[in-house]
Amino acid sequence: MNQGTADMMVYRGKDYKCGIDLTLAVVGGKWKASILWHLAQETMRFSDLQRQFSDTTRKMLTQQLRELEADGLVHREVYPQVPPKVEYSLTGKGTTIIPILNQMCEWARGYLQDDEDAAKSVAA
């Protein structure tokens, strides 16, 4: 695989050696991939997301959502009503990462299966 300068990418003034580095910079936050995966299932309010990510702080979840919004992967819809209503959904660009996340889930299943098979052979 060629890792030469032809593969260099610049995003928001930062250089990335290859597309994988850029992809991980955009979706590699602790909760980002999971947020995207949940939003692929349905549009969600902040409180719904908080329930899904109960082991993170409100501040961290807000930060991750803002970064995904700034990168154009998540849309934040604010409804002018009382009490305030805010919904999060994937943008068109956000939906393009979902097949990759699905592949990552499949890879993880295979990885765990291989690990279980290895553990069984060691125990035998």
PDB file of N, CA and C in Angstrom:
ATOM      1  N   MET A   1       0.853  -1.183   0.000  1.00  0.00           N
ATOM      2  CA  MET A   1       0.000   0.000   0.000  1.00  0.00           C
ATOM      3  C   MET A   1       0.895   1.240   0.000  1.00  0.00           C
ATOM      4  N   ASN A   2       0.609   2.166  -0.847  1.00  0.00           N
ATOM      5  CA  ASN A   2       1.416   3.376  -0.971  1.00  0.00           C
ATOM      6  C   ASN A   2       1.056   4.372   0.118  1.00  0.00           C
ATOM      7  N   GLN A   3       2.023   4.734   0.930  1.00  0.00           N
ATOM      8  CA  GLN A   3       1.808   5.728   1.981  1.00  0.00           C
ATOM      9  C   GLN A   3       2.560   7.017   1.657  1.00  0.00           C
ATOM     10  N   GLY A   4       2.798   7.269   0.382  1.00  0.00           N
ATOM     11  CA  GLY A   4       3.550   8.441  -0.033  1.00  0.00           C
ATOM     12  C   GLY A   4       2.778   9.729   0.143  1.00  0.00           C
ATOM     13  N   THR A   5       3.400  10.822  -0.280  1.00  0.00           N
ATOM     14  CA  THR A   5       2.792  12.138  -0.109  1.00  0.00           C
ATOM     15  C   THR A   5       1.541  12.307  -0.955  1.00  0.00           C
ATOM     16  N   ALA A   6       1.366  11.469  -1.982  1.00  0.00           N
ATOM     17  CA  ALA A   6       0.159  11.567  -2.808  1.00  0.00           C
ATOM     18  C   ALA A   6      -1.090  11.243  -1.998  1.00  0.00           C
ATOM     19  N   ASP A   7      -0.929  10.498  -0.898  1.00  0.00           N
ATOM     20  CA  ASP A   7      -2.058  10.123  -0.059  1.00  0.00           C
ATOM     21  C   ASP A   7      -2.359  11.156   1.020  1.00  0.00           C
ATOM     22  N   MET A   8      -1.533  12.183   1.134  1.00  0.00           N
ATOM     23  CA  MET A   8      -1.725  13.204   2.168  1.00  0.00           C
ATOM     24  C   MET A   8      -3.042  13.931   1.942  1.00  0.00           C
ATOM     25  N   MET A   9      -3.693  14.260   3.042  1.00  0.00           N
ATOM     26  CA  MET A   9      -4.949  14.997   2.998  1.00  0.00           C
ATOM     27  C   MET A   9      -4.875  16.130   4.002  1.00  0.00           C
ATOM     28  N   VAL A  10      -5.554  17.214   3.699  1.00  0.00           N
ATOM     29  CA  VAL A  10      -5.628  18.341   4.623  1.00  0.00           C
ATOM     30  C   VAL A  10      -7.099  18.595   4.913  1.00  0.00           C
ATOM     31  N   TYR A  11      -7.435  18.673   6.209  1.00  0.00           N
ATOM     32  CA  TYR A  11      -8.802  18.954   6.623  1.00  0.00           C
ATOM     33  C   TYR A  11      -8.738  19.921   7.787  1.00  0.00           C
ATOM     34  N   ARG A  12      -9.404  21.048   7.630  1.00  0.00           N
ATOM     35  CA  ARG A  12      -9.418  22.097   8.652  1.00  0.00           C
ATOM     36  C   ARG A  12      -8.014  22.497   9.087  1.00  0.00           C
ATOM     37  N   GLY A  13      -7.137  22.601   8.100  1.00  0.00           N
ATOM     38  CA  GLY A  13      -5.781  23.072   8.347  1.00  0.00           C
ATOM     39  C   GLY A  13      -4.836  22.046   8.939  1.00  0.00           C
ATOM     40  N   LYS A  14      -5.280  20.815   9.086  1.00  0.00           N
ATOM     41  CA  LYS A  14      -4.425  19.773   9.652  1.00  0.00           C
ATOM     42  C   LYS A  14      -4.116  18.729   8.587  1.00  0.00           C
ATOM     43  N   ASP A  15      -2.865  18.280   8.562  1.00  0.00           N
ATOM     44  CA  ASP A  15      -2.436  17.261   7.609  1.00  0.00           C
ATOM     45  C   ASP A  15      -2.729  15.860   8.142  1.00  0.00           C
ATOM     46  N   TYR A  16      -3.197  15.003   7.252  1.00  0.00           N
ATOM     47  CA  TYR A  16      -3.444  13.601   7.573  1.00  0.00           C
ATOM     48  C   TYR A  16      -2.683  12.746   6.570  1.00  0.00           C
ATOM     49  N   LYS A  17      -2.043  11.702   7.057  1.00  0.00           N
ATOM     50  CA  LYS A  17      -1.212  10.855   6.205  1.00  0.00           C
ATOM     51  C   LYS A  17      -2.024  10.039   5.214  1.00  0.00           C
ATOM     52  N   CYS A  18      -3.249   9.686   5.605  1.00  0.00           N
ATOM     53  CA  CYS A  18      -4.092   8.894   4.712  1.00  0.00           C
ATOM     54  C   CYS A  18      -5.555   9.052   5.127  1.00  0.00           C
ATOM     55  N   GLY A  19      -6.427   8.487   4.325  1.00  0.00           N
ATOM     56  CA  GLY A  19      -7.855   8.589   4.595  1.00  0.00           C
ATOM     57  C   GLY A  19      -8.272   7.951   5.906  1.00  0.00           C
ATOM     58  N   ILE A  20      -7.565   6.909   6.315  1.00  0.00           N
ATOM     59  CA  ILE A  20      -7.899   6.263   7.586  1.00  0.00           C
ATOM     60  C   ILE A  20      -7.667   7.230   8.738  1.00  0.00           C
ATOM     61  N   ASP A  21      -6.553   7.946   8.699  1.00  0.00           N
ATOM     62  CA  ASP A  21      -6.270   8.921   9.760  1.00  0.00           C
ATOM     63  C   ASP A  21      -7.345   9.996   9.822  1.00  0.00           C
ATOM     64  N   LEU A  22      -7.762  10.488   8.663  1.00  0.00           N
ATOM     65  CA  LEU A  22      -8.807  11.510   8.626  1.00  0.00           C
ATOM     66  C   LEU A  22     -10.137  10.946   9.128  1.00  0.00           C
ATOM     67  N   THR A  23     -10.478   9.749   8.685  1.00  0.00           N
ATOM     68  CA  THR A  23     -11.730   9.124   9.131  1.00  0.00           C
ATOM     69  C   THR A  23     -11.748   8.971  10.639  1.00  0.00           C
ATOM     70  N   LEU A  24     -10.655   8.474  11.206  1.00  0.00           N
ATOM     71  CA  LEU A  24     -10.589   8.300  12.657  1.00  0.00           C
ATOM     72  C   LEU A  24     -10.620   9.638  13.385  1.00  0.00           C
ATOM     73  N   ALA A  25     -10.061  10.669  12.780  1.00  0.00           N
ATOM     74  CA  ALA A  25     -10.120  11.997  13.402  1.00  0.00           C
ATOM     75  C   ALA A  25     -11.558  12.506  13.464  1.00  0.00           C
ATOM     76  N   VAL A  26     -12.350  12.194  12.449  1.00  0.00           N
ATOM     77  CA  VAL A  26     -13.729  12.683  12.389  1.00  0.00           C
ATOM     78  C   VAL A  26     -14.677  11.833  13.235  1.00  0.00           C
ATOM     79  N   VAL A  27     -14.555  10.514  13.172  1.00  0.00           N
ATOM     80  CA  VAL A  27     -15.517   9.649  13.872  1.00  0.00           C
ATOM     81  C   VAL A  27     -14.891   8.856  15.014  1.00  0.00           C
ATOM     82  N   GLY A  28     -13.645   9.129  15.334  1.00  0.00           N
ATOM     83  CA  GLY A  28     -12.936   8.324  16.313  1.00  0.00           C
ATOM     84  C   GLY A  28     -13.039   8.781  17.747  1.00  0.00           C
ATOM     85  N   GLY A  29     -13.865   9.765  18.045  1.00  0.00           N
ATOM     86  CA  GLY A  29     -14.050  10.153  19.440  1.00  0.00           C
ATOM     87  C   GLY A  29     -14.646   9.002  20.222  1.00  0.00           C
ATOM     88  N   LYS A  30     -14.534   9.045  21.523  1.00  0.00           N
ATOM     89  CA  LYS A  30     -14.954   7.915  22.351  1.00  0.00           C
ATOM     90  C   LYS A  30     -16.386   7.465  22.059  1.00  0.00           C
ATOM     91  N   TRP A  31     -17.281   8.386  21.795  1.00  0.00           N
ATOM     92  CA  TRP A  31     -18.696   8.039  21.620  1.00  0.00           C
ATOM     93  C   TRP A  31     -19.210   8.283  20.203  1.00  0.00           C
ATOM     94  N   LYS A  32     -18.416   8.888  19.345  1.00  0.00           N
ATOM     95  CA  LYS A  32     -18.924   9.342  18.049  1.00  0.00           C
ATOM     96  C   LYS A  32     -19.488   8.233  17.174  1.00  0.00           C
ATOM     97  N   ALA A  33     -18.760   7.156  17.016  1.00  0.00           N
ATOM     98  CA  ALA A  33     -19.246   6.075  16.150  1.00  0.00           C
ATOM     99  C   ALA A  33     -20.557   5.504  16.686  1.00  0.00           C
ATOM    100  N   SER A  34     -20.644   5.357  17.989  1.00  0.00           N
ATOM    101  CA  SER A  34     -21.880   4.837  18.593  1.00  0.00           C
ATOM    102  C   SER A  34     -23.033   5.821  18.438  1.00  0.00           C
ATOM    103  N   ILE A  35     -22.749   7.101  18.573  1.00  0.00           N
ATOM    104  CA  ILE A  35     -23.784   8.122  18.362  1.00  0.00           C
ATOM    105  C   ILE A  35     -24.309   8.021  16.934  1.00  0.00           C
ATOM    106  N   LEU A  36     -23.397   7.953  15.979  1.00  0.00           N
ATOM    107  CA  LEU A  36     -23.802   7.853  14.580  1.00  0.00           C
ATOM    108  C   LEU A  36     -24.642   6.601  14.343  1.00  0.00           C
ATOM    109  N   TRP A  37     -24.221   5.494  14.923  1.00  0.00           N
ATOM    110  CA  TRP A  37     -24.956   4.243  14.744  1.00  0.00           C
ATOM    111  C   TRP A  37     -26.372   4.364  15.297  1.00  0.00           C
ATOM    112  N   HIS A  38     -26.525   4.955  16.481  1.00  0.00           N
ATOM    113  CA  HIS A  38     -27.862   5.127  17.069  1.00  0.00           C
ATOM    114  C   HIS A  38     -28.713   6.076  16.229  1.00  0.00           C
ATOM    115  N   LEU A  39     -28.112   7.142  15.727  1.00  0.00           N
ATOM    116  CA  LEU A  39     -28.872   8.089  14.905  1.00  0.00           C
ATOM    117  C   LEU A  39     -29.248   7.491  13.553  1.00  0.00           C
ATOM    118  N   ALA A  40     -28.529   6.479  13.123  1.00  0.00           N
ATOM    119  CA  ALA A  40     -28.906   5.796  11.881  1.00  0.00           C
ATOM    120  C   ALA A  40     -30.196   5.008  12.077  1.00  0.00           C
ATOM    121  N   GLN A  41     -30.471   4.620  13.312  1.00  0.00           N
ATOM    122  CA  GLN A  41     -31.686   3.864  13.612  1.00  0.00           C
ATOM    123  C   GLN A  41     -32.909   4.783  13.645  1.00  0.00           C
ATOM    124  N   GLU A  42     -32.704   5.996  14.195  1.00  0.00           N
ATOM    125  CA  GLU A  42     -33.826   6.936  14.314  1.00  0.00           C
ATOM    126  C   GLU A  42     -33.322   8.318  14.723  1.00  0.00           C
ATOM    127  N   THR A  43     -34.138   9.326  14.448  1.00  0.00           N
ATOM    128  CA  THR A  43     -33.891  10.671  14.951  1.00  0.00           C
ATOM    129  C   THR A  43     -34.095  10.629  16.460  1.00  0.00           C
ATOM    130  N   MET A  44     -33.204  11.298  17.189  1.00  0.00           N
ATOM    131  CA  MET A  44     -33.277  11.213  18.651  1.00  0.00           C
ATOM    132  C   MET A  44     -33.142  12.584  19.289  1.00  0.00           C
ATOM    133  N   ARG A  45     -33.796  12.727  20.424  1.00  0.00           N
ATOM    134  CA  ARG A  45     -33.628  13.919  21.245  1.00  0.00           C
ATOM    135  C   ARG A  45     -32.410  13.708  22.137  1.00  0.00           C
ATOM    136  N   PHE A  46     -31.912  14.803  22.697  1.00  0.00           N
ATOM    137  CA  PHE A  46     -30.725  14.717  23.544  1.00  0.00           C
ATOM    138  C   PHE A  46     -30.959  13.757  24.706  1.00  0.00           C
ATOM    139  N   SER A  47     -32.129  13.835  25.317  1.00  0.00           N
ATOM    140  CA  SER A  47     -32.419  12.964  26.467  1.00  0.00           C
ATOM    141  C   SER A  47     -32.411  11.487  26.068  1.00  0.00           C
ATOM    142  N   ASP A  48     -32.847  11.182  24.842  1.00  0.00           N
ATOM    143  CA  ASP A  48     -32.798   9.798  24.353  1.00  0.00           C
ATOM    144  C   ASP A  48     -31.354   9.328  24.230  1.00  0.00           C
ATOM    145  N   LEU A  49     -30.519  10.206  23.697  1.00  0.00           N
ATOM    146  CA  LEU A  49     -29.101   9.869  23.570  1.00  0.00           C
ATOM    147  C   LEU A  49     -28.451   9.708  24.940  1.00  0.00           C
ATOM    148  N   GLN A  50     -28.822  10.565  25.880  1.00  0.00           N
ATOM    149  CA  GLN A  50     -28.275  10.454  27.238  1.00  0.00           C
ATOM    150  C   GLN A  50     -28.599   9.098  27.847  1.00  0.00           C
ATOM    151  N   ARG A  51     -29.800   8.609  27.607  1.00  0.00           N
ATOM    152  CA  ARG A  51     -30.176   7.294  28.132  1.00  0.00           C
ATOM    153  C   ARG A  51     -29.324   6.189  27.505  1.00  0.00           C
ATOM    154  N   GLN A  52     -29.027   6.342  26.225  1.00  0.00           N
ATOM    155  CA  GLN A  52     -28.200   5.347  25.542  1.00  0.00           C
ATOM    156  C   GLN A  52     -26.754   5.362  26.046  1.00  0.00           C
ATOM    157  N   PHE A  53     -26.297   6.542  26.439  1.00  0.00           N
ATOM    158  CA  PHE A  53     -24.905   6.717  26.866  1.00  0.00           C
ATOM    159  C   PHE A  53     -24.863   7.159  28.320  1.00  0.00           C
ATOM    160  N   SER A  54     -25.460   6.376  29.167  1.00  0.00           N
ATOM    161  CA  SER A  54     -25.593   6.756  30.579  1.00  0.00           C
ATOM    162  C   SER A  54     -24.257   6.834  31.308  1.00  0.00           C
ATOM    163  N   ASP A  55     -23.220   6.219  30.746  1.00  0.00           N
ATOM    164  CA  ASP A  55     -21.924   6.274  31.405  1.00  0.00           C
ATOM    165  C   ASP A  55     -21.040   7.422  30.916  1.00  0.00           C
ATOM    166  N   THR A  56     -21.630   8.366  30.197  1.00  0.00           N
ATOM    167  CA  THR A  56     -20.897   9.572  29.813  1.00  0.00           C
ATOM    168  C   THR A  56     -21.575  10.784  30.435  1.00  0.00           C
ATOM    169  N   THR A  57     -20.845  11.866  30.506  1.00  0.00           N
ATOM    170  CA  THR A  57     -21.416  13.086  31.076  1.00  0.00           C
ATOM    171  C   THR A  57     -22.187  13.853  30.010  1.00  0.00           C
ATOM    172  N   ARG A  58     -23.062  14.710  30.477  1.00  0.00           N
ATOM    173  CA  ARG A  58     -23.824  15.586  29.582  1.00  0.00           C
ATOM    174  C   ARG A  58     -22.865  16.441  28.749  1.00  0.00           C
ATOM    175  N   LYS A  59     -21.824  16.943  29.408  1.00  0.00           N
ATOM    176  CA  LYS A  59     -20.836  17.793  28.732  1.00  0.00           C
ATOM    177  C   LYS A  59     -20.129  17.031  27.605  1.00  0.00           C
ATOM    178  N   MET A  60     -19.714  15.801  27.872  1.00  0.00           N
ATOM    179  CA  MET A  60     -19.009  15.008  26.866  1.00  0.00           C
ATOM    180  C   MET A  60     -19.920  14.668  25.697  1.00  0.00           C
ATOM    181  N   LEU A  61     -21.151  14.282  25.984  1.00  0.00           N
ATOM    182  CA  LEU A  61     -22.099  13.966  24.919  1.00  0.00           C
ATOM    183  C   LEU A  61     -22.364  15.199  24.062  1.00  0.00           C
ATOM    184  N   THR A  62     -22.544  16.344  24.702  1.00  0.00           N
ATOM    185  CA  THR A  62     -22.752  17.598  23.974  1.00  0.00           C
ATOM    186  C   THR A  62     -21.557  17.908  23.086  1.00  0.00           C
ATOM    187  N   GLN A  63     -20.360  17.734  23.612  1.00  0.00           N
ATOM    188  CA  GLN A  63     -19.141  18.007  22.841  1.00  0.00           C
ATOM    189  C   GLN A  63     -19.052  17.094  21.619  1.00  0.00           C
ATOM    190  N   GLN A  64     -19.315  15.811  21.812  1.00  0.00           N
ATOM    191  CA  GLN A  64     -19.246  14.863  20.706  1.00  0.00           C
ATOM    192  C   GLN A  64     -20.288  15.208  19.634  1.00  0.00           C
ATOM    193  N   LEU A  65     -21.497  15.557  20.054  1.00  0.00           N
ATOM    194  CA  LEU A  65     -22.543  15.939  19.104  1.00  0.00           C
ATOM    195  C   LEU A  65     -22.173  17.210  18.351  1.00  0.00           C
ATOM    196  N   ARG A  66     -21.626  18.186  19.043  1.00  0.00           N
ATOM    197  CA  ARG A  66     -21.223  19.438  18.381  1.00  0.00           C
ATOM    198  C   ARG A  66     -20.135  19.191  17.348  1.00  0.00           C
ATOM    199  N   GLU A  67     -19.179  18.327  17.679  1.00  0.00           N
ATOM    200  CA  GLU A  67     -18.114  18.015  16.725  1.00  0.00           C
ATOM    201  C   GLU A  67     -18.672  17.294  15.501  1.00  0.00           C
ATOM    202  N   LEU A  68     -19.578  16.358  15.722  1.00  0.00           N
ATOM    203  CA  LEU A  68     -20.199  15.666  14.593  1.00  0.00           C
ATOM    204  C   LEU A  68     -21.027  16.625  13.742  1.00  0.00           C
ATOM    205  N   GLU A  69     -21.671  17.570  14.397  1.00  0.00           N
ATOM    206  CA  GLU A  69     -22.441  18.590  13.674  1.00  0.00           C
ATOM    207  C   GLU A  69     -21.502  19.491  12.875  1.00  0.00           C
ATOM    208  N   ALA A  70     -20.403  19.918  13.485  1.00  0.00           N
ATOM    209  CA  ALA A  70     -19.428  20.778  12.801  1.00  0.00           C
ATOM    210  C   ALA A  70     -18.806  20.069  11.600  1.00  0.00           C
ATOM    211  N   ASP A  71     -18.653  18.756  11.699  1.00  0.00           N
ATOM    212  CA  ASP A  71     -18.084  17.984  10.593  1.00  0.00           C
ATOM    213  C   ASP A  71     -19.126  17.612   9.539  1.00  0.00           C
ATOM    214  N   GLY A  72     -20.380  18.033   9.756  1.00  0.00           N
ATOM    215  CA  GLY A  72     -21.418  17.824   8.757  1.00  0.00           C
ATOM    216  C   GLY A  72     -22.031  16.438   8.745  1.00  0.00           C
ATOM    217  N   LEU A  73     -21.842  15.671   9.831  1.00  0.00           N
ATOM    218  CA  LEU A  73     -22.391  14.321   9.879  1.00  0.00           C
ATOM    219  C   LEU A  73     -23.726  14.251  10.606  1.00  0.00           C
ATOM    220  N   VAL A  74     -23.968  15.205  11.493  1.00  0.00           N
ATOM    221  CA  VAL A  74     -25.189  15.225  12.302  1.00  0.00           C
ATOM    222  C   VAL A  74     -25.893  16.560  12.111  1.00  0.00           C
ATOM    223  N   HIS A  75     -27.210  16.490  12.001  1.00  0.00           N
ATOM    224  CA  HIS A  75     -28.036  17.697  11.912  1.00  0.00           C
ATOM    225  C   HIS A  75     -28.745  17.900  13.246  1.00  0.00           C
ATOM    226  N   ARG A  76     -28.716  19.125  13.720  1.00  0.00           N
ATOM    227  CA  ARG A  76     -29.387  19.491  14.970  1.00  0.00           C
ATOM    228  C   ARG A  76     -30.570  20.379  14.613  1.00  0.00           C
ATOM    229  N   GLU A  77     -31.764  19.901  14.900  1.00  0.00           N
ATOM    230  CA  GLU A  77     -32.988  20.653  14.602  1.00  0.00           C
ATOM    231  C   GLU A  77     -33.566  21.190  15.900  1.00  0.00           C
ATOM    232  N   VAL A  78     -33.666  22.528  15.977  1.00  0.00           N
ATOM    233  CA  VAL A  78     -34.234  23.176  17.158  1.00  0.00           C
ATOM    234  C   VAL A  78     -35.638  23.637  16.802  1.00  0.00           C
ATOM    235  N   TYR A  79     -36.612  23.200  17.592  1.00  0.00           N
ATOM    236  CA  TYR A  79     -37.998  23.578  17.364  1.00  0.00           C
ATOM    237  C   TYR A  79     -38.350  24.740  18.286  1.00  0.00           C
ATOM    238  N   PRO A  80     -38.925  25.816  17.723  1.00  0.00           N
ATOM    239  CA  PRO A  80     -39.259  26.999  18.534  1.00  0.00           C
ATOM    240  C   PRO A  80     -40.534  26.773  19.343  1.00  0.00           C
ATOM    241  N   GLN A  81     -40.400  26.093  20.434  1.00  0.00           N
ATOM    242  CA  GLN A  81     -41.555  25.818  21.285  1.00  0.00           C
ATOM    243  C   GLN A  81     -41.107  25.793  22.741  1.00  0.00           C
ATOM    244  N   VAL A  82     -42.082  25.797  23.616  1.00  0.00           N
ATOM    245  CA  VAL A  82     -41.818  25.721  25.049  1.00  0.00           C
ATOM    246  C   VAL A  82     -42.504  24.469  25.571  1.00  0.00           C
ATOM    247  N   PRO A  83     -41.786  23.582  26.241  1.00  0.00           N
ATOM    248  CA  PRO A  83     -40.343  23.616  26.479  1.00  0.00           C
ATOM    249  C   PRO A  83     -39.573  23.379  25.180  1.00  0.00           C
ATOM    250  N   PRO A  84     -38.308  23.779  25.161  1.00  0.00           N
ATOM    251  CA  PRO A  84     -37.508  23.631  23.939  1.00  0.00           C
ATOM    252  C   PRO A  84     -37.415  22.165  23.507  1.00  0.00           C
ATOM    253  N   LYS A  85     -37.411  21.982  22.216  1.00  0.00           N
ATOM    254  CA  LYS A  85     -37.274  20.633  21.663  1.00  0.00           C
ATOM    255  C   LYS A  85     -36.135  20.650  20.651  1.00  0.00           C
ATOM    256  N   VAL A  86     -35.176  19.745  20.833  1.00  0.00           N
ATOM    257  CA  VAL A  86     -34.038  19.622  19.925  1.00  0.00           C
ATOM    258  C   VAL A  86     -33.929  18.163  19.511  1.00  0.00           C
ATOM    259  N   GLU A  87     -33.812  17.937  18.216  1.00  0.00           N
ATOM    260  CA  GLU A  87     -33.650  16.581  17.704  1.00  0.00           C
ATOM    261  C   GLU A  87     -32.368  16.484  16.890  1.00  0.00           C
ATOM    262  N   TYR A  88     -31.758  15.314  16.952  1.00  0.00           N
ATOM    263  CA  TYR A  88     -30.532  15.036  16.207  1.00  0.00           C
ATOM    264  C   TYR A  88     -30.810  13.935  15.200  1.00  0.00           C
ATOM    265  N   SER A  89     -30.264  14.117  14.009  1.00  0.00           N
ATOM    266  CA  SER A  89     -30.406  13.115  12.957  1.00  0.00           C
ATOM    267  C   SER A  89     -29.137  13.127  12.111  1.00  0.00           C
ATOM    268  N   LEU A  90     -28.985  12.104  11.301  1.00  0.00           N
ATOM    269  CA  LEU A  90     -27.838  12.056  10.401  1.00  0.00           C
ATOM    270  C   LEU A  90     -28.093  12.930   9.183  1.00  0.00           C
ATOM    271  N   THR A  91     -27.052  13.533   8.687  1.00  0.00           N
ATOM    272  CA  THR A  91     -27.121  14.234   7.407  1.00  0.00           C
ATOM    273  C   THR A  91     -26.870  13.205   6.304  1.00  0.00           C
ATOM    274  N   GLY A  92     -26.987  13.634   5.067  1.00  0.00           N
ATOM    275  CA  GLY A  92     -26.644  12.752   3.955  1.00  0.00           C
ATOM    276  C   GLY A  92     -25.211  12.266   4.069  1.00  0.00           C
ATOM    277  N   LYS A  93     -24.323  13.169   4.417  1.00  0.00           N
ATOM    278  CA  LYS A  93     -22.917  12.801   4.600  1.00  0.00           C
ATOM    279  C   LYS A  93     -22.770  11.821   5.762  1.00  0.00           C
ATOM    280  N   GLY A  94     -23.553  12.019   6.810  1.00  0.00           N
ATOM    281  CA  GLY A  94     -23.493  11.128   7.966  1.00  0.00           C
ATOM    282  C   GLY A  94     -23.912   9.708   7.631  1.00  0.00           C
ATOM    283  N   THR A  95     -24.890   9.575   6.739  1.00  0.00           N
ATOM    284  CA  THR A  95     -25.349   8.227   6.384  1.00  0.00           C
ATOM    285  C   THR A  95     -24.285   7.444   5.623  1.00  0.00           C
ATOM    286  N   THR A  96     -23.336   8.135   5.005  1.00  0.00           N
ATOM    287  CA  THR A  96     -22.322   7.429   4.218  1.00  0.00           C
ATOM    288  C   THR A  96     -21.352   6.631   5.085  1.00  0.00           C
ATOM    289  N   ILE A  97     -21.250   6.946   6.364  1.00  0.00           N
ATOM    290  CA  ILE A  97     -20.343   6.210   7.248  1.00  0.00           C
ATOM    291  C   ILE A  97     -21.000   4.941   7.798  1.00  0.00           C
ATOM    292  N   ILE A  98     -22.312   4.836   7.719  1.00  0.00           N
ATOM    293  CA  ILE A  98     -23.027   3.717   8.339  1.00  0.00           C
ATOM    294  C   ILE A  98     -22.617   2.358   7.767  1.00  0.00           C
ATOM    295  N   PRO A  99     -22.472   2.199   6.452  1.00  0.00           N
ATOM    296  CA  PRO A  99     -22.001   0.894   5.963  1.00  0.00           C
ATOM    297  C   PRO A  99     -20.632   0.510   6.540  1.00  0.00           C
ATOM    298  N   ILE A 100     -19.790   1.480   6.757  1.00  0.00           N
ATOM    299  CA  ILE A 100     -18.473   1.208   7.346  1.00  0.00           C
ATOM    300  C   ILE A 100     -18.634   0.779   8.803  1.00  0.00           C
ATOM    301  N   LEU A 101     -19.512   1.452   9.540  1.00  0.00           N
ATOM    302  CA  LEU A 101     -19.759   1.068  10.932  1.00  0.00           C
ATOM    303  C   LEU A 101     -20.366  -0.328  11.009  1.00  0.00           C
ATOM    304  N   ASN A 102     -21.259  -0.649  10.073  1.00  0.00           N
ATOM    305  CA  ASN A 102     -21.829  -1.997  10.030  1.00  0.00           C
ATOM    306  C   ASN A 102     -20.740  -3.038   9.785  1.00  0.00           C
ATOM    307  N   GLN A 103     -19.806  -2.716   8.894  1.00  0.00           N
ATOM    308  CA  GLN A 103     -18.686  -3.626   8.645  1.00  0.00           C
ATOM    309  C   GLN A 103     -17.813  -3.782   9.887  1.00  0.00           C
ATOM    310  N   MET A 104     -17.647  -2.702  10.632  1.00  0.00           N
ATOM    311  CA  MET A 104     -16.876  -2.781  11.875  1.00  0.00           C
ATOM    312  C   MET A 104     -17.568  -3.707  12.874  1.00  0.00           C
ATOM    313  N   CYS A 105     -18.895  -3.658  12.930  1.00  0.00           N
ATOM    314  CA  CYS A 105     -19.649  -4.564  13.811  1.00  0.00           C
ATOM    315  C   CYS A 105     -19.438  -6.013  13.388  1.00  0.00           C
ATOM    316  N   GLU A 106     -19.493  -6.272  12.092  1.00  0.00           N
ATOM    317  CA  GLU A 106     -19.257  -7.626  11.588  1.00  0.00           C
ATOM    318  C   GLU A 106     -17.840  -8.081  11.912  1.00  0.00           C
ATOM    319  N   TRP A 107     -16.875  -7.199  11.733  1.00  0.00           N
ATOM    320  CA  TRP A 107     -15.490  -7.532  12.059  1.00  0.00           C
ATOM    321  C   TRP A 107     -15.372  -7.900  13.534  1.00  0.00           C
ATOM    322  N   ALA A 108     -16.025  -7.129  14.396  1.00  0.00           N
ATOM    323  CA  ALA A 108     -15.963  -7.385  15.840  1.00  0.00           C
ATOM    324  C   ALA A 108     -16.550  -8.750  16.174  1.00  0.00           C
ATOM    325  N   ARG A 109     -17.655  -9.113  15.523  1.00  0.00           N
ATOM    326  CA  ARG A 109     -18.251 -10.433  15.770  1.00  0.00           C
ATOM    327  C   ARG A 109     -17.270 -11.547  15.393  1.00  0.00           C
ATOM    328  N   GLY A 110     -16.642 -11.399  14.240  1.00  0.00           N
ATOM    329  CA  GLY A 110     -15.650 -12.383  13.810  1.00  0.00           C
ATOM    330  C   GLY A 110     -14.448 -12.422  14.735  1.00  0.00           C
ATOM    331  N   TYR A 111     -14.027 -11.265  15.166  1.00  0.00           N
ATOM    332  CA  TYR A 111     -12.891 -11.170  16.083  1.00  0.00           C
ATOM    333  C   TYR A 111     -13.202 -11.878  17.392  1.00  0.00           C
ATOM    334  N   LEU A 112     -14.390 -11.641  17.930  1.00  0.00           N
ATOM    335  CA  LEU A 112     -14.779 -12.308  19.174  1.00  0.00           C
ATOM    336  C   LEU A 112     -14.887 -13.813  18.984  1.00  0.00           C
ATOM    337  N   GLN A 113     -15.434 -14.233  17.856  1.00  0.00           N
ATOM    338  CA  GLN A 113     -15.550 -15.666  17.582  1.00  0.00           C
ATOM    339  C   GLN A 113     -14.171 -16.302  17.512  1.00  0.00           C
ATOM    340  N   ASP A 114     -13.245 -15.661  16.802  1.00  0.00           N
ATOM    341  CA  ASP A 114     -11.874 -16.173  16.724  1.00  0.00           C
ATOM    342  C   ASP A 114     -11.248 -16.243  18.105  1.00  0.00           C
ATOM    343  N   ASP A 115     -11.507 -15.223  18.922  1.00  0.00           N
ATOM    344  CA  ASP A 115     -10.955 -15.169  20.273  1.00  0.00           C
ATOM    345  C   ASP A 115     -11.536 -16.294  21.129  1.00  0.00           C
ATOM    346  N   GLU A 116     -12.838 -16.547  20.998  1.00  0.00           N
ATOM    347  CA  GLU A 116     -13.480 -17.633  21.748  1.00  0.00           C
ATOM    348  C   GLU A 116     -12.927 -18.984  21.309  1.00  0.00           C
ATOM    349  N   ASP A 117     -12.730 -19.154  19.996  1.00  0.00           N
ATOM    350  CA  ASP A 117     -12.171 -20.406  19.486  1.00  0.00           C
ATOM    351  C   ASP A 117     -10.754 -20.611  20.010  1.00  0.00           C
ATOM    352  N   ALA A 118      -9.964 -19.540  20.048  1.00  0.00           N
ATOM    353  CA  ALA A 118      -8.595 -19.626  20.566  1.00  0.00           C
ATOM    354  C   ALA A 118      -8.607 -19.969  22.050  1.00  0.00           C
ATOM    355  N   ALA A 119      -9.519 -19.368  22.796  1.00  0.00           N
ATOM    356  CA  ALA A 119      -9.613 -19.640  24.234  1.00  0.00           C
ATOM    357  C   ALA A 119     -10.002 -21.093  24.475  1.00  0.00           C
ATOM    358  N   LYS A 120     -10.899 -21.642  23.647  1.00  0.00           N
ATOM    359  CA  LYS A 120     -11.308 -23.041  23.795  1.00  0.00           C
ATOM    360  C   LYS A 120     -10.142 -23.985  23.529  1.00  0.00           C
ATOM    361  N   SER A 121      -9.332 -23.677  22.505  1.00  0.00           N
ATOM    362  CA  SER A 121      -8.215 -24.563  22.179  1.00  0.00           C
ATOM    363  C   SER A 121      -7.129 -24.514  23.248  1.00  0.00           C
ATOM    364  N   VAL A 122      -6.946 -23.380  23.901  1.00  0.00           N
ATOM    365  CA  VAL A 122      -5.970 -23.258  24.985  1.00  0.00           C
ATOM    366  C   VAL A 122      -6.446 -24.030  26.202  1.00  0.00           C
ATOM    367  N   ALA A 123      -7.749 -23.981  26.470  1.00  0.00           N
ATOM    368  CA  ALA A 123      -8.313 -24.651  27.641  1.00  0.00           C
ATOM    369  C   ALA A 123      -8.340 -26.172  27.465  1.00  0.00           C
ATOM    370  N   ALA A 124      -8.338 -26.641  26.230  1.00  0.00           N
ATOM    371  CA  ALA A 124      -8.444 -28.092  25.972  1.00  0.00           C
ATOM    372  C   ALA A 124      -7.188 -28.852  26.325  1.00  0.00           C
TER     373      ALA A 124
END
